[in-house]
Amino acid sequence: MKQDSTRNTAYTVDCEDYVHVVKFNPFDSGDACSLIAYGGNNYVVVGTCRFQEEDAEVEGMQYKTLRMFHHGIRVDAIAWSPETRLDALPPQIRFCTAASDRKLRLFTSDLQDKNEFKTFDGHSDYINDLVFAPKEGQEVASVSDDHTCRVWDLEGNEKAHFVLRSPGMSVCWHPEEAFKLMVAEKNGTIRFYDLITQQAILSLECEQTPLMSADWCLKNTLKIGAVAGSDWLIWDITCSSYPQDKRPVHLDRARLFRWSRVNENLFATTGYPGKTTTQLLVHHLGHPQPILTGTAAVGSGLTWHRTLPLCAVGGDHKIFFWVTEM
């Protein structure tokens, strides 16, 4: 494995709009292709991807748009529902968005005549992240600059409401234990909530700010990662409430942290969008330096493929894809 190899994108997809957010479906949709959704200023586009890394008959990458959903306003975050199935008859696509008007929108489509959306009202400020309950997909959790985390049912009714001490930046649901939610706050605190008792059960501290993004490692749920200031930080929640490992990575502040879905030692971070280029760094805990450095023109969003060591970042009328080693 070459150290700190700056690499051009492996693949790109051209888009009709600036891409503010991009999200691979993290759940099995029953199809050989991977679902990907991206959001721009007015639209959400859902498409499928297939890569030569998983199918020898594919040359490079095959991308196909399934449907464009009119959104009417800038898309800030997207979450996939585990109820999305391409192998059902008719197929079902379901996802939720957060938008700059402080509303959540739940979209459900059979890719033919049925295209519904519901609006969830309640947040009084910018929504930074949202996630579906991973088992049944019957609830959505969201966090906002209004210092709350809210849990909604699919009708838009509020089922739980946690008051935070600073803006909520990231929210993750435990993949197996359906009643555990992780909320990361801008002030550097990460709390875990029990949805049955609606109480905090554990907290972690960054000891630095601003915390911009945190993620729960699905390959090893004792590991939490985050970016705060210009550093990445990793916790083992059995050891201590303080990070076990941290390293400065982005000179101008780090923006996003995402664990790979295939290797518990692999993760990616991005620098701040809005510069002429955004740096994507892929890190492996066994290596002192990033194992991949990529640059994207004003990138935003960061997502990992469900089964490949491959990540994607949005940009100006493009999605960029990088492939790394395990």
Foldseek 3Di string as FASTA:
>chain_A
DDFADADEFLDKDFFPAFWFAKEWQLADQPDQWTWMWTWHAWKIWIKTKDACVRPVVDDGMDIDTLDIGTRGGGWNEKEFFNQQHVPDVLGWGWMWTFGQVRKIKIWIDSSPPDTDIDIADDDPHGWAYKYAQQPHRQKMWTWAQSQKIFIAGPNNDTPAIDGHPGGWHYKDAQNPPSQWIWTAHQQFKIWIAGNVVRDTDDIAGAVAGRWHEKDAQNVDRQWIWTFGFQKIFIPRVVPDSYGPDMDGDHPRGWHYKDAAQADSQKIKTWRAFPPQKIWIFICGNVDPGTRYIYIDGRWHYKYYHNHFQKMWITGGSMIGMHHDDD
